[in-house]
Amino acid sequence: MSLPLTSDRPQLIVNRTVLKNGLVVLTMENPTADIVAARLFVRVGSRYEQAEQAGISHLLTSVMTKGTRHLSSMEIAEQVESVGASLGADSATDYSLMSLKTVAADFSNVLALAAEILRFPSFPEAEVDLERRLTAQGLRSMQEQPFSVAQKQLRQAMYGEHPYGRSALGTEESIQTLTRDDLQQFHQAYFRPDNMVVSIAGRISSQQAVELVEQYFGDWQPSDLASPLSPPPFASLGMIDTSPPPNSATIDRLSERFSIRQSSRSDPATDSADNVTVRTLQSSLRTMSSSRKSFNQTDSTIGGELAIQSRH
């Protein structure tokens, strides 16, 4: 199936192909520059996590590139750097992804490396321990940042116990309990071809792109031990309690510490603790809104594909 990207640029066509193992491939040829970029989306993120395993998606994608069945972390880095490519993994609320970019001549080799990482991560114990410590440090650091505190309280007020109400990093308690076995089981359950969308754009024909994906992912089948995929919990927004929480003074103290207040103003209403809290939340909301708009503009096609898969 082919669809024009926009009415203004009908020459840019998005082609959609579904492999026999259920993997969806979106391709778009753009010969303007000698570059090919790809994103490999997996429909799993913090929204799919249980409270006791909060942060496992972030931990998994952070450690995924640190070793495979055949390659060490150093060998992976050397392969990427030797051709001047970029390759990385990340997780979000609704999905995890691996992104890569390279010149067209090296795309096949870099995609093969990405397939090795996605399909056969080894999760070295030392790397898991290191990433657990780094994540815990990051969570503690966020408690010293007023905007992070405001976002946390806003999420909790909006979503309550739903996974959307938690940080994608998890909590210090949940991170410390996650083990290498947990990562392997989570990977086995969700990182599978029938739960993936691969998007490729650049100086490569749609036929070539699909053939390469078929070559490196076509024989990938869900594990016999993998459970059927279940939908994540539905997010329902109820009435938000606008009364100050018991620890609302935290934002005020952090605001004073980081000089968010404008000391030149003498109006008590302007410098009140309530106003500092409101301005902090307003700034946080503007940042979140800007990020959401940017995401929608750049990844609307992929987001639509993931939404279609979710409904089915």
Protein backbone atom coordinates (compact mmCIF):
# COMPACT_ATOMS: atom_id res chain seq x y z
CA MET A 1 0.00 0.00 0.00
CA SER A 2 1.31 3.45 -0.94
CA LEU A 3 0.20 6.80 0.40
CA PRO A 4 1.37 10.33 -0.48
CA LEU A 5 3.06 12.00 2.45
CA THR A 6 1.43 15.39 1.79
CA SER A 7 -0.65 16.94 -0.95
CA ASP A 8 2.15 19.48 -1.53
CA ARG A 9 4.78 16.80 -2.13
CA PRO A 10 3.08 13.88 -3.88
CA GLN A 11 6.43 12.53 -5.06
CA LEU A 12 7.26 11.41 -1.52
CA ILE A 13 5.35 8.17 -1.16
CA VAL A 14 5.11 6.07 1.99
CA ASN A 15 4.92 2.35 1.20
CA ARG A 16 3.59 -0.11 3.75
CA THR A 17 4.56 -3.78 3.72
CA VAL A 18 3.75 -6.51 6.23
CA LEU A 19 6.14 -9.45 6.45
CA LYS A 20 4.93 -13.00 7.04
CA ASN A 21 5.96 -12.80 10.71
CA GLY A 22 3.77 -9.73 11.26
CA LEU A 23 6.49 -7.08 11.17
CA VAL A 24 5.29 -3.85 9.52
CA VAL A 25 7.72 -1.99 7.23
CA LEU A 26 7.17 1.65 6.22
CA THR A 27 9.50 2.95 3.52
CA MET A 28 9.98 6.26 1.74
CA GLU A 29 12.58 6.90 -0.94
CA ASN A 30 14.23 10.31 -0.75
CA PRO A 31 17.39 10.58 -2.88
CA THR A 32 18.13 14.19 -1.93
CA ALA A 33 21.10 13.25 0.26
CA ASP A 34 23.28 10.14 0.43
CA ILE A 35 21.80 9.14 3.78
CA VAL A 36 19.44 6.46 4.99
CA ALA A 37 17.73 6.70 8.37
CA ALA A 38 15.66 4.08 10.12
CA ARG A 39 13.61 3.79 13.26
CA LEU A 40 12.59 0.44 14.67
CA PHE A 41 9.59 0.86 16.95
CA VAL A 42 8.44 -1.72 19.49
CA ARG A 43 4.96 -1.23 20.92
CA VAL A 44 5.96 -1.27 24.58
CA GLY A 45 6.87 1.49 27.01
CA SER A 46 6.24 2.57 30.57
CA ARG A 47 2.48 2.37 29.92
CA TYR A 48 2.79 -1.41 29.78
CA GLU A 49 4.71 -1.80 33.05
CA GLN A 50 3.45 -3.12 36.35
CA ALA A 51 4.05 -0.86 39.34
CA GLU A 52 6.60 -3.25 40.85
CA GLN A 53 8.57 -3.19 37.58
CA ALA A 54 8.29 0.54 36.89
CA GLY A 55 11.24 1.70 34.80
CA ILE A 56 12.01 -1.66 33.18
CA SER A 57 11.54 -0.34 29.62
CA HIS A 58 14.04 2.44 30.23
CA LEU A 59 16.51 0.08 31.89
CA LEU A 60 16.19 -2.46 29.09
CA THR A 61 16.79 0.00 26.24
CA SER A 62 19.68 1.57 28.16
CA VAL A 63 21.46 -1.79 28.49
CA MET A 64 20.38 -3.27 25.15
CA THR A 65 23.26 -1.73 23.19
CA LYS A 66 25.86 -2.90 25.72
CA GLY A 67 26.28 -6.40 24.37
CA THR A 68 24.79 -9.25 22.30
CA ARG A 69 25.36 -12.98 21.96
CA HIS A 70 28.36 -12.30 19.68
CA LEU A 71 29.40 -8.69 20.34
CA SER A 72 30.65 -6.76 23.35
CA SER A 73 29.79 -3.15 24.08
CA MET A 74 33.17 -2.05 22.72
CA GLU A 75 32.75 -4.03 19.51
CA ILE A 76 29.31 -2.53 18.91
CA ALA A 77 30.68 0.98 19.41
CA GLU A 78 33.62 0.30 17.09
CA GLN A 79 31.36 -0.95 14.30
CA VAL A 80 29.20 2.16 14.51
CA GLU A 81 32.06 4.63 14.77
CA SER A 82 34.14 3.02 12.03
CA VAL A 83 31.57 4.07 9.40
CA GLY A 84 30.55 7.36 11.03
CA ALA A 85 27.02 6.12 11.69
CA SER A 86 24.72 6.80 14.62
CA LEU A 87 22.80 4.13 16.50
CA GLY A 88 20.93 4.30 19.78
CA ALA A 89 17.98 2.92 21.74
CA ASP A 90 15.43 4.71 23.86
CA SER A 91 12.02 4.23 25.45
CA ALA A 92 8.98 6.43 25.90
CA THR A 93 5.55 6.10 27.45
CA ASP A 94 3.93 4.15 24.63
CA TYR A 95 6.84 2.67 22.70
CA SER A 96 10.51 1.76 22.65
CA LEU A 97 12.72 2.31 19.64
CA MET A 98 16.10 1.91 18.07
CA SER A 99 17.19 4.66 15.69
CA LEU A 100 20.04 4.62 13.20
CA LYS A 101 21.45 6.83 10.46
CA THR A 102 24.26 6.21 8.00
CA VAL A 103 25.37 6.77 4.43
CA ALA A 104 23.53 4.61 1.92
CA ALA A 105 26.50 2.34 1.18
CA ASP A 106 26.76 1.26 4.84
CA PHE A 107 23.05 0.94 5.60
CA SER A 108 22.90 -2.84 5.14
CA ASN A 109 25.70 -3.46 7.65
CA VAL A 110 24.30 -1.03 10.22
CA LEU A 111 20.81 -2.52 9.89
CA ALA A 112 22.32 -5.97 10.42
CA LEU A 113 23.94 -4.67 13.61
CA ALA A 114 20.63 -3.19 14.77
CA ALA A 115 18.95 -6.55 14.16
CA GLU A 116 21.60 -8.33 16.22
CA ILE A 117 21.07 -5.88 19.10
CA LEU A 118 17.27 -6.01 18.99
CA ARG A 119 17.00 -9.76 18.67
CA PHE A 120 19.86 -11.06 20.79
CA PRO A 121 20.81 -8.65 23.61
CA SER A 122 22.91 -10.27 26.31
CA PHE A 123 22.22 -7.75 29.12
CA PRO A 124 25.65 -8.04 30.80
CA GLU A 125 25.26 -8.14 34.56
CA ALA A 126 27.88 -5.43 35.12
CA GLU A 127 26.11 -3.10 32.68
CA VAL A 128 22.74 -3.74 34.34
CA ASP A 129 24.21 -2.87 37.75
CA LEU A 130 25.82 0.28 36.38
CA GLU A 131 22.63 1.47 34.68
CA ARG A 132 20.62 0.82 37.85
CA ARG A 133 22.95 3.11 39.79
CA LEU A 134 22.86 5.80 37.09
CA THR A 135 19.06 5.71 36.97
CA ALA A 136 18.83 5.99 40.74
CA GLN A 137 21.15 9.00 40.64
CA GLY A 138 18.99 10.54 37.93
CA LEU A 139 15.85 10.07 39.99
CA ARG A 140 17.48 11.71 43.02
CA SER A 141 18.69 14.58 40.86
CA MET A 142 15.15 15.16 39.57
CA GLN A 143 13.98 15.73 43.13
CA GLU A 144 16.24 18.80 43.21
CA GLN A 145 14.75 20.28 40.03
CA PRO A 146 11.56 22.33 40.50
CA PHE A 147 10.19 21.64 37.03
CA SER A 148 10.67 17.89 37.45
CA VAL A 149 8.86 18.02 40.79
CA ALA A 150 6.03 20.00 39.21
CA GLN A 151 5.70 17.54 36.33
CA LYS A 152 5.64 14.61 38.73
CA GLN A 153 2.85 16.15 40.79
CA LEU A 154 0.93 17.10 37.65
CA ARG A 155 1.14 13.55 36.27
CA GLN A 156 -0.03 12.08 39.55
CA ALA A 157 -2.92 14.55 39.77
CA MET A 158 -4.05 13.78 36.21
CA TYR A 159 -3.55 10.02 36.01
CA GLY A 160 -3.42 8.75 39.58
CA GLU A 161 -2.35 5.08 39.72
CA HIS A 162 -2.30 4.64 35.93
CA PRO A 163 1.22 4.11 34.48
CA TYR A 164 0.98 7.56 32.87
CA GLY A 165 1.17 8.92 36.41
CA ARG A 166 4.65 7.47 36.94
CA SER A 167 8.04 8.59 35.70
CA ALA A 168 9.37 6.56 32.77
CA LEU A 169 12.52 6.05 34.86
CA GLY A 170 10.50 4.22 37.50
CA THR A 171 11.24 4.67 41.19
CA GLU A 172 14.37 4.06 43.23
CA GLU A 173 12.63 1.11 44.89
CA SER A 174 11.48 -0.55 41.65
CA ILE A 175 14.79 -0.02 39.86
CA GLN A 176 16.78 -1.69 42.65
CA THR A 177 14.64 -4.84 42.45
CA LEU A 178 14.94 -5.32 38.67
CA THR A 179 17.29 -8.12 37.64
CA ARG A 180 18.87 -9.38 34.44
CA ASP A 181 16.29 -12.18 34.38
CA ASP A 182 13.50 -9.58 34.50
CA LEU A 183 14.97 -7.82 31.48
CA GLN A 184 15.23 -11.08 29.54
CA GLN A 185 11.63 -12.03 30.29
CA PHE A 186 10.34 -8.54 29.39
CA HIS A 187 12.33 -8.61 26.15
CA GLN A 188 10.98 -12.04 25.28
CA ALA A 189 7.39 -10.93 25.90
CA TYR A 190 7.36 -7.66 23.93
CA PHE A 191 10.33 -7.50 21.55
CA ARG A 192 8.89 -9.62 18.77
CA PRO A 193 8.21 -9.05 15.07
CA ASP A 194 4.42 -8.95 15.34
CA ASN A 195 4.78 -6.06 17.79
CA MET A 196 7.12 -3.91 15.68
CA VAL A 197 7.10 -1.20 13.03
CA VAL A 198 10.26 -0.49 11.04
CA SER A 199 10.42 2.83 9.19
CA ILE A 200 13.14 3.55 6.61
CA ALA A 201 13.67 6.74 4.62
CA GLY A 202 16.47 8.05 2.44
CA ARG A 203 18.46 7.13 -0.65
CA ILE A 204 17.16 3.60 -0.94
CA SER A 205 14.28 2.17 -2.94
CA SER A 206 11.30 0.69 -1.15
CA GLN A 207 12.04 -2.70 -2.67
CA GLN A 208 15.64 -2.67 -1.44
CA ALA A 209 14.58 -1.55 2.03
CA VAL A 210 11.97 -4.30 2.37
CA GLU A 211 14.43 -6.91 1.08
CA LEU A 212 16.99 -5.91 3.72
CA VAL A 213 14.41 -6.02 6.51
CA GLU A 214 13.29 -9.43 5.26
CA GLN A 215 16.91 -10.60 5.21
CA TYR A 216 17.67 -9.60 8.80
CA PHE A 217 14.25 -9.97 10.46
CA GLY A 218 12.28 -12.34 8.23
CA ASP A 219 13.23 -15.50 10.12
CA TRP A 220 12.40 -13.94 13.50
CA GLN A 221 9.42 -15.62 15.12
CA PRO A 222 7.84 -14.94 18.52
CA SER A 223 9.20 -17.28 21.16
CA ASP A 224 7.05 -20.29 22.03
CA LEU A 225 7.31 -19.11 25.63
CA ALA A 226 5.99 -15.62 24.85
CA SER A 227 2.48 -14.92 26.10
CA PRO A 228 -0.18 -13.37 23.84
CA LEU A 229 0.10 -9.61 23.83
CA SER A 230 -2.42 -7.90 26.10
CA PRO A 231 -3.54 -4.28 25.75
CA PRO A 232 -2.20 -1.77 28.28
CA PRO A 233 -4.53 -0.21 30.87
CA PHE A 234 -6.81 2.51 29.56
CA ALA A 235 -6.13 6.03 30.81
CA SER A 236 -9.25 7.74 32.11
CA LEU A 237 -9.06 11.36 33.22
CA GLY A 238 -11.28 12.13 36.16
CA MET A 239 -11.76 15.29 38.17
CA ILE A 240 -8.45 16.76 39.30
CA ASP A 241 -8.18 17.74 42.95
CA THR A 242 -6.88 21.32 42.92
CA SER A 243 -6.26 21.51 46.65
CA PRO A 244 -2.56 21.77 47.56
CA PRO A 245 -1.04 18.37 48.35
CA PRO A 246 0.63 17.87 51.73
CA ASN A 247 4.10 18.35 50.22
CA SER A 248 3.23 21.33 48.00
CA ALA A 249 5.76 23.43 49.91
CA THR A 250 8.49 21.45 48.16
CA ILE A 251 8.03 23.41 44.94
CA ASP A 252 8.18 26.69 46.86
CA ARG A 253 11.41 25.74 48.62
CA LEU A 254 13.00 24.61 45.38
CA SER A 255 11.83 27.77 43.65
CA GLU A 256 13.57 29.91 46.25
CA ARG A 257 16.72 27.80 46.07
CA PHE A 258 17.02 28.12 42.29
CA SER A 259 15.98 31.79 42.21
CA ILE A 260 12.87 31.28 40.12
CA ARG A 261 11.26 34.25 41.86
CA GLN A 262 11.98 37.66 40.42
CA SER A 263 13.33 39.47 43.44
CA SER A 264 12.99 42.86 41.76
CA ARG A 265 9.21 42.71 42.08
CA SER A 266 7.78 43.82 45.37
CA ASP A 267 4.12 43.03 44.74
CA PRO A 268 3.14 40.45 47.41
CA ALA A 269 0.64 38.84 45.04
CA THR A 270 3.36 38.33 42.43
CA ASP A 271 5.88 36.85 44.87
CA SER A 272 3.44 34.70 46.82
CA ALA A 273 4.13 31.01 47.24
CA ASP A 274 0.96 30.14 45.34
CA ASN A 275 2.03 32.24 42.36
CA VAL A 276 5.43 30.56 42.22
CA THR A 277 3.72 27.17 42.11
CA VAL A 278 1.33 28.31 39.37
CA ARG A 279 4.12 29.79 37.25
CA THR A 280 6.17 26.62 37.64
CA LEU A 281 3.25 24.48 36.50
CA GLN A 282 2.47 26.82 33.60
CA SER A 283 6.05 26.62 32.35
CA SER A 284 5.98 22.83 32.68
CA LEU A 285 2.73 22.61 30.74
CA ARG A 286 4.13 24.79 27.94
CA THR A 287 7.18 22.51 27.68
CA MET A 288 5.03 19.39 27.58
CA SER A 289 2.72 20.93 24.98
CA SER A 290 5.64 21.97 22.78
CA SER A 291 7.17 18.50 22.96
CA ARG A 292 3.87 16.86 22.09
CA LYS A 293 3.36 19.12 19.07
CA SER A 294 6.88 18.40 17.83
CA PHE A 295 6.35 14.66 18.21
CA ASN A 296 3.02 14.77 16.39
CA GLN A 297 4.54 16.69 13.47
CA THR A 298 7.58 14.48 12.98
CA ASP A 299 6.19 11.03 13.81
CA SER A 300 2.51 11.22 12.88
CA THR A 301 2.82 8.40 10.35
CA ILE A 302 4.51 6.06 12.83
CA GLY A 303 2.14 7.07 15.61
CA GLY A 304 -0.81 6.28 13.40
CA GLU A 305 0.63 2.89 12.55
CA LEU A 306 1.18 2.07 16.21
CA ALA A 307 -2.36 3.20 17.00
CA ILE A 308 -3.73 0.95 14.25
CA GLN A 309 -1.82 -1.99 15.69
CA SER A 310 -3.12 -1.20 19.19
CA ARG A 311 -6.71 -1.35 17.99
CA HIS A 312 -6.11 -4.74 16.45
